[in-house]
Amino acid sequence: MEQKVIMAGFGGQGIMAIGKLLAYAGMLEGKNVTWMPSYGPEMRGGTANCAVVVSEEEIGSPLISKDGTAAIVMNLPSMNKFEKELLPGGKLIINKSLIDAEPERKDLDVYYIPANELALELGTSKVANMVMLGAYLEITKAVESESVLKAFVKVFGEDKADLIPLNKEALMKGAQAAK
């Protein structure tokens, strides 16, 4: 099992955060992982994306080029740029809250997740990224959501541990939306 996922959106949408969480969760499960960030010219408001590979086998390269198994896209420019990087049958997980267009490719499995609305149901739009990660985990089973929650403190520190219940709810909302 090898999952190659591209995560992309505007800076400030938590793209790097969910990439780190996925990679760290994979490590906690004893899998091989890579996390490769890419920032646009500005952090907040500019483009941001990362590539994460989670595999049972050794990983040959952290790059994803036309061989991605999934993409989480939080905005239209990200969908337009990264849908072409997926293999036929790849999973394209679209933030329906901010993207009202359909992808050009017809050979992908497409999931429309209203991430911002689901996050607002929890009281804050800041967890829209976690909603999308929850959807991704439900669709791919790359790692267990409990591993992501264990990784949370490792990635963000003990002082953010009080945010785990909210983030757990966001993961669950995303998983439900993907079913």
Protein backbone atom coordinates (compact mmCIF):
# COMPACT_ATOMS: atom_id res chain seq x y z
CA MET A 1 0.00 0.00 0.00
CA GLU A 2 1.44 3.33 -1.06
CA GLN A 3 -0.53 6.56 -0.86
CA LYS A 4 0.80 9.63 -2.65
CA VAL A 5 -1.29 12.66 -1.76
CA ILE A 6 -0.98 16.28 -2.80
CA MET A 7 -2.53 18.81 -0.41
CA ALA A 8 -3.00 22.32 -1.73
CA GLY A 9 -4.70 25.63 -1.00
CA PHE A 10 -4.08 29.21 0.00
CA GLY A 11 -1.53 29.97 2.70
CA GLY A 12 -3.28 30.06 6.05
CA GLN A 13 -5.67 27.18 5.28
CA GLY A 14 -3.60 24.69 7.28
CA ILE A 15 -2.27 22.70 4.34
CA MET A 16 1.19 22.19 5.83
CA ALA A 17 -0.37 21.28 9.18
CA ILE A 18 -2.45 18.41 7.80
CA GLY A 19 0.50 17.24 5.73
CA LYS A 20 2.70 17.07 8.83
CA LEU A 21 -0.04 15.31 10.78
CA LEU A 22 -0.51 12.68 8.09
CA ALA A 23 3.23 12.06 7.81
CA TYR A 24 3.72 11.86 11.58
CA ALA A 25 0.70 9.55 11.96
CA GLY A 26 2.23 7.27 9.36
CA MET A 27 5.49 7.21 11.34
CA LEU A 28 3.59 6.33 14.51
CA GLU A 29 2.08 3.38 12.63
CA GLY A 30 5.55 2.20 11.58
CA LYS A 31 5.12 3.19 7.93
CA ASN A 32 7.61 4.89 5.68
CA VAL A 33 6.72 8.53 5.03
CA THR A 34 7.89 11.64 3.26
CA TRP A 35 6.57 15.20 3.59
CA MET A 36 7.65 17.78 1.05
CA PRO A 37 6.33 21.34 1.49
CA SER A 38 6.14 24.03 -1.17
CA TYR A 39 5.26 27.64 -0.42
CA GLY A 40 4.18 30.41 -2.75
CA PRO A 41 5.62 33.93 -2.57
CA GLU A 42 3.72 34.72 0.60
CA MET A 43 2.60 32.45 3.40
CA ARG A 44 -0.85 33.71 4.35
CA GLY A 45 -2.90 34.24 1.19
CA GLY A 46 -0.27 32.89 -1.21
CA THR A 47 -0.38 29.35 -2.51
CA ALA A 48 0.80 26.47 -0.39
CA ASN A 49 1.03 22.78 -1.13
CA CYS A 50 2.76 19.71 0.12
CA ALA A 51 3.27 16.19 -1.06
CA VAL A 52 2.98 13.32 1.42
CA VAL A 53 3.84 9.72 0.68
CA VAL A 54 2.80 7.01 3.14
CA SER A 55 3.96 3.50 2.30
CA GLU A 56 4.50 0.04 3.68
CA GLU A 57 7.57 -0.20 1.41
CA GLU A 58 10.62 2.01 1.03
CA ILE A 59 9.87 5.26 -0.77
CA GLY A 60 11.92 5.93 -3.87
CA SER A 61 11.16 9.64 -4.17
CA PRO A 62 9.16 12.26 -2.27
CA LEU A 63 8.12 13.87 -5.56
CA ILE A 64 4.65 13.34 -6.97
CA SER A 65 4.55 13.83 -10.71
CA LYS A 66 1.65 12.35 -12.64
CA ASP A 67 1.55 9.44 -10.16
CA GLY A 68 -0.49 10.83 -7.26
CA THR A 69 -3.13 8.58 -5.74
CA ALA A 70 -5.06 11.49 -4.20
CA ALA A 71 -5.27 15.26 -3.96
CA ILE A 72 -6.91 17.40 -1.30
CA VAL A 73 -7.67 20.77 -2.88
CA MET A 74 -8.94 23.67 -0.82
CA ASN A 75 -9.37 26.25 -3.64
CA LEU A 76 -9.90 26.48 -7.40
CA PRO A 77 -6.31 27.36 -8.40
CA SER A 78 -5.15 24.26 -6.53
CA MET A 79 -7.66 22.01 -8.29
CA ASN A 80 -6.71 23.43 -11.69
CA LYS A 81 -3.01 22.91 -11.00
CA PHE A 82 -2.99 19.50 -9.32
CA GLU A 83 -5.76 17.39 -10.85
CA LYS A 84 -3.35 16.62 -13.70
CA GLU A 85 -0.85 15.11 -11.24
CA LEU A 86 -3.14 12.20 -10.35
CA LEU A 87 -3.16 8.73 -11.81
CA PRO A 88 -6.36 7.63 -13.58
CA GLY A 89 -8.73 6.52 -10.81
CA GLY A 90 -7.05 8.88 -8.35
CA LYS A 91 -9.11 10.44 -5.56
CA LEU A 92 -9.76 14.17 -5.95
CA ILE A 93 -11.15 15.61 -2.72
CA ILE A 94 -12.58 19.05 -3.36
CA ASN A 95 -13.49 21.73 -0.82
CA LYS A 96 -16.98 22.37 -2.17
CA SER A 97 -17.26 25.46 0.05
CA LEU A 98 -14.73 27.35 -2.09
CA ILE A 99 -14.78 25.49 -5.41
CA ASP A 100 -17.92 25.65 -7.53
CA ALA A 101 -16.33 24.19 -10.67
CA GLU A 102 -15.93 20.59 -11.77
CA PRO A 103 -12.54 19.12 -12.62
CA GLU A 104 -11.64 18.78 -16.29
CA ARG A 105 -10.66 15.14 -15.97
CA LYS A 106 -13.36 12.49 -16.05
CA ASP A 107 -11.11 9.56 -15.05
CA LEU A 108 -10.88 10.53 -11.36
CA ASP A 109 -12.99 9.60 -8.34
CA VAL A 110 -14.22 13.00 -7.15
CA TYR A 111 -15.51 13.80 -3.66
CA TYR A 112 -17.13 17.16 -2.87
CA ILE A 113 -16.77 18.05 0.81
CA PRO A 114 -18.32 21.29 2.18
CA ALA A 115 -15.37 21.71 4.52
CA ASN A 116 -15.92 25.31 5.57
CA GLU A 117 -19.60 24.78 6.38
CA LEU A 118 -18.84 21.62 8.35
CA ALA A 119 -16.08 23.43 10.24
CA LEU A 120 -18.43 26.31 11.06
CA GLU A 121 -20.89 23.79 12.52
CA LEU A 122 -18.11 23.11 15.05
CA GLY A 123 -17.75 26.81 15.75
CA THR A 124 -14.67 27.77 13.73
CA SER A 125 -13.59 27.75 10.11
CA LYS A 126 -10.04 27.02 11.29
CA VAL A 127 -10.69 23.26 11.25
CA ALA A 128 -11.78 23.06 7.59
CA ASN A 129 -8.39 21.48 6.87
CA MET A 130 -9.07 18.76 9.45
CA VAL A 131 -12.49 18.12 7.91
CA MET A 132 -10.74 17.53 4.58
CA LEU A 133 -8.15 15.28 6.23
CA GLY A 134 -10.96 13.27 7.83
CA ALA A 135 -12.57 12.81 4.42
CA TYR A 136 -9.24 11.72 2.94
CA LEU A 137 -8.69 9.17 5.71
CA GLU A 138 -12.18 7.73 5.25
CA ILE A 139 -11.65 7.38 1.50
CA THR A 140 -8.11 5.99 1.49
CA LYS A 141 -7.52 4.42 4.93
CA ALA A 142 -3.91 5.68 4.63
CA VAL A 143 -3.62 5.88 8.43
CA GLU A 144 -6.02 5.64 11.37
CA SER A 145 -7.60 8.88 12.58
CA GLU A 146 -6.51 7.96 16.12
CA SER A 147 -2.90 8.06 14.90
CA VAL A 148 -3.50 11.60 13.60
CA LEU A 149 -4.79 12.62 17.03
CA LYS A 150 -1.74 11.05 18.72
CA ALA A 151 0.46 12.95 16.28
CA PHE A 152 -1.29 16.23 17.12
CA VAL A 153 0.64 16.90 20.33
CA LYS A 154 3.90 15.72 18.76
CA VAL A 155 3.48 18.16 15.88
CA PHE A 156 1.96 21.15 17.68
CA GLY A 157 3.15 20.74 21.28
CA GLU A 158 1.53 20.07 24.64
CA ASP A 159 0.09 23.57 24.88
CA LYS A 160 -2.26 22.73 21.95
CA ALA A 161 -3.54 19.47 23.48
CA ASP A 162 -6.78 21.20 24.48
CA LEU A 163 -7.61 21.45 20.75
CA ILE A 164 -7.64 17.67 20.25
CA PRO A 165 -11.41 17.20 20.96
CA LEU A 166 -12.34 19.87 18.39
CA ASN A 167 -9.99 18.39 15.81
CA LYS A 168 -11.33 14.90 16.48
CA GLU A 169 -14.85 16.17 15.77
CA ALA A 170 -13.60 17.80 12.56
CA LEU A 171 -12.02 14.52 11.42
CA MET A 172 -15.29 12.70 12.14
CA LYS A 173 -17.35 15.29 10.23
CA GLY A 174 -15.07 14.90 7.24
CA ALA A 175 -15.29 11.12 7.39
CA GLN A 176 -19.09 11.26 7.53
CA ALA A 177 -19.21 13.64 4.57
CA ALA A 178 -17.05 11.27 2.51
CA LYS A 179 -19.29 8.25 3.10
